[in-house]
Amino acid sequence: MKRKIIPYHPKLKALARQLRNNSTTSEIKLWLELRNKQFLGYDFHRQKPLLNYIVDFYCYELRLVIELDGYSHQFEETVIKDAFKQKELEKWGLTILRFQDEEIMCDITNALKEIEGYIINFEKTHPYPSQEGK
């Protein structure tokens, strides 16, 4: 299967770099678990531009986006924007897992179990995902 590249707006690269350099505490905590292919061997990227958005974490092989929602995600305007963003990303066949910052800070083990559960299910329904696009 040929690797499906998801386009992004070029101006987002600089903003993504800035966000990586100014990560939240919860993003750093989760990144320490996901980086360097140490989580079940999958390659995650942080603050990844996709379409007209920047997602917190992304794994191409799993078609998985992980979003961490902080305080600002409680406001109606942000909830509406998040829902639209999610629908746009899902049109490209991506799955979005959302966690509250508090979940990562207070109970990262359960968040990691949920991510692992997604991966186990994905591997059952998509044999050899790490070989796609290679």
Protein backbone atom coordinates (compact mmCIF):
# COMPACT_ATOMS: atom_id res chain seq x y z
CA MET A 1 0.00 0.00 0.00
CA LYS A 2 1.36 3.39 -0.98
CA ARG A 3 1.87 5.81 1.90
CA LYS A 4 -0.96 8.34 1.99
CA ILE A 5 0.49 11.77 2.71
CA ILE A 6 -1.83 14.12 4.58
CA PRO A 7 -1.22 17.66 3.33
CA TYR A 8 -0.76 20.61 5.66
CA HIS A 9 -0.49 24.37 5.39
CA PRO A 10 3.25 25.26 5.16
CA LYS A 11 2.87 28.19 7.57
CA LEU A 12 2.05 25.71 10.33
CA LYS A 13 5.62 24.34 10.44
CA ALA A 14 6.98 27.33 12.36
CA LEU A 15 4.04 27.33 14.76
CA ALA A 16 4.43 23.59 15.36
CA ARG A 17 8.11 24.11 16.19
CA GLN A 18 7.17 26.88 18.61
CA LEU A 19 4.56 24.64 20.27
CA ARG A 20 7.13 21.84 20.64
CA ASN A 21 9.49 24.28 22.34
CA ASN A 22 6.72 25.45 24.69
CA SER A 23 5.00 22.17 25.53
CA THR A 24 2.58 21.86 28.41
CA THR A 25 3.51 19.70 31.38
CA SER A 26 1.01 17.03 30.34
CA GLU A 27 2.40 16.98 26.77
CA ILE A 28 5.92 16.51 28.10
CA LYS A 29 4.80 13.72 30.43
CA LEU A 30 3.05 11.81 27.63
CA TRP A 31 5.88 12.47 25.17
CA LEU A 32 8.35 10.83 27.57
CA GLU A 33 6.29 7.64 27.14
CA LEU A 34 5.77 7.84 23.35
CA ARG A 35 9.07 9.13 21.96
CA ASN A 36 11.80 7.13 20.24
CA LYS A 37 9.46 4.28 19.27
CA GLN A 38 9.49 3.12 22.89
CA PHE A 39 5.72 2.64 23.09
CA LEU A 40 5.11 -0.74 21.45
CA GLY A 41 7.59 0.17 18.70
CA TYR A 42 5.47 2.85 17.03
CA ASP A 43 6.84 6.16 15.76
CA PHE A 44 4.91 9.08 17.25
CA HIS A 45 5.43 12.72 16.35
CA ARG A 46 4.43 15.67 18.50
CA GLN A 47 2.88 18.94 17.40
CA LYS A 48 2.40 17.59 13.88
CA PRO A 49 0.81 19.78 11.17
CA LEU A 50 -2.06 17.99 9.39
CA LEU A 51 -4.43 19.80 7.02
CA ASN A 52 -5.01 23.23 8.58
CA TYR A 53 -4.36 22.03 12.11
CA ILE A 54 -1.59 21.04 14.48
CA VAL A 55 -2.27 17.85 16.42
CA ASP A 56 -0.60 17.11 19.74
CA PHE A 57 0.63 13.62 18.81
CA TYR A 58 0.43 11.62 15.59
CA CYS A 59 1.39 8.13 14.48
CA TYR A 60 1.17 7.50 10.75
CA GLU A 61 1.34 3.71 10.99
CA LEU A 62 -1.63 3.60 13.36
CA ARG A 63 -3.55 6.44 11.69
CA LEU A 64 -3.83 7.78 15.24
CA VAL A 65 -4.03 11.33 16.58
CA ILE A 66 -3.80 11.94 20.32
CA GLU A 67 -5.09 15.24 21.62
CA LEU A 68 -4.61 16.59 25.15
CA ASP A 69 -7.29 19.00 26.27
CA GLY A 70 -6.50 21.61 28.85
CA TYR A 71 -8.57 24.31 30.50
CA SER A 72 -9.38 26.20 27.28
CA HIS A 73 -11.13 23.12 25.88
CA GLN A 74 -13.99 23.63 28.35
CA PHE A 75 -15.29 26.69 26.49
CA GLU A 76 -18.09 26.22 23.98
CA GLU A 77 -16.19 27.94 21.16
CA THR A 78 -13.23 25.60 21.60
CA VAL A 79 -15.48 22.53 21.84
CA ILE A 80 -17.06 23.48 18.51
CA LYS A 81 -13.64 24.01 16.88
CA ASP A 82 -12.39 20.69 18.28
CA ALA A 83 -15.43 18.85 16.88
CA PHE A 84 -14.92 20.39 13.43
CA LYS A 85 -11.19 19.57 13.52
CA GLN A 86 -11.96 15.99 14.50
CA LYS A 87 -14.46 15.55 11.65
CA GLU A 88 -11.95 16.91 9.14
CA LEU A 89 -9.22 14.55 10.37
CA GLU A 90 -11.61 11.57 10.42
CA LYS A 91 -12.35 12.20 6.71
CA TRP A 92 -8.72 11.16 6.13
CA GLY A 93 -9.26 7.88 8.00
CA LEU A 94 -7.65 9.02 11.24
CA THR A 95 -8.79 8.09 14.73
CA ILE A 96 -8.59 10.71 17.46
CA LEU A 97 -8.09 9.80 21.10
CA ARG A 98 -8.69 12.66 23.55
CA PHE A 99 -7.44 12.97 27.09
CA GLN A 100 -7.82 15.72 29.64
CA ASP A 101 -4.58 17.19 30.97
CA GLU A 102 -5.58 15.96 34.43
CA GLU A 103 -5.83 12.38 33.14
CA ILE A 104 -2.22 12.49 32.00
CA MET A 105 -0.95 14.26 35.11
CA CYS A 106 -2.84 12.17 37.68
CA ASP A 107 -3.35 8.80 35.99
CA ILE A 108 -1.13 8.37 32.95
CA THR A 109 -1.24 4.59 33.39
CA ASN A 110 -4.90 4.44 32.36
CA ALA A 111 -4.29 6.77 29.41
CA LEU A 112 -1.45 4.52 28.22
CA LYS A 113 -3.71 1.47 28.64
CA GLU A 114 -6.32 3.14 26.44
CA ILE A 115 -3.70 3.89 23.78
CA GLU A 116 -2.42 0.33 24.04
CA GLY A 117 -5.98 -0.99 23.68
CA TYR A 118 -6.40 1.05 20.50
CA ILE A 119 -3.12 -0.36 19.15
CA ILE A 120 -4.04 -3.97 19.95
CA ASN A 121 -7.40 -3.55 18.21
CA PHE A 122 -5.76 -1.79 15.25
CA GLU A 123 -3.21 -4.60 14.84
CA LYS A 124 -6.02 -7.19 14.83
CA THR A 125 -7.90 -5.38 12.08
CA HIS A 126 -4.88 -4.12 10.09
CA PRO A 127 -2.26 -6.85 9.86
CA TYR A 128 1.33 -5.62 9.66
CA PRO A 129 0.63 -1.88 9.98
CA SER A 130 4.34 -1.10 10.33
CA GLN A 131 4.87 -2.41 6.80
CA GLU A 132 2.32 -0.10 5.16
CA GLY A 133 3.80 2.46 2.87
CA LYS A 134 7.26 0.90 2.86
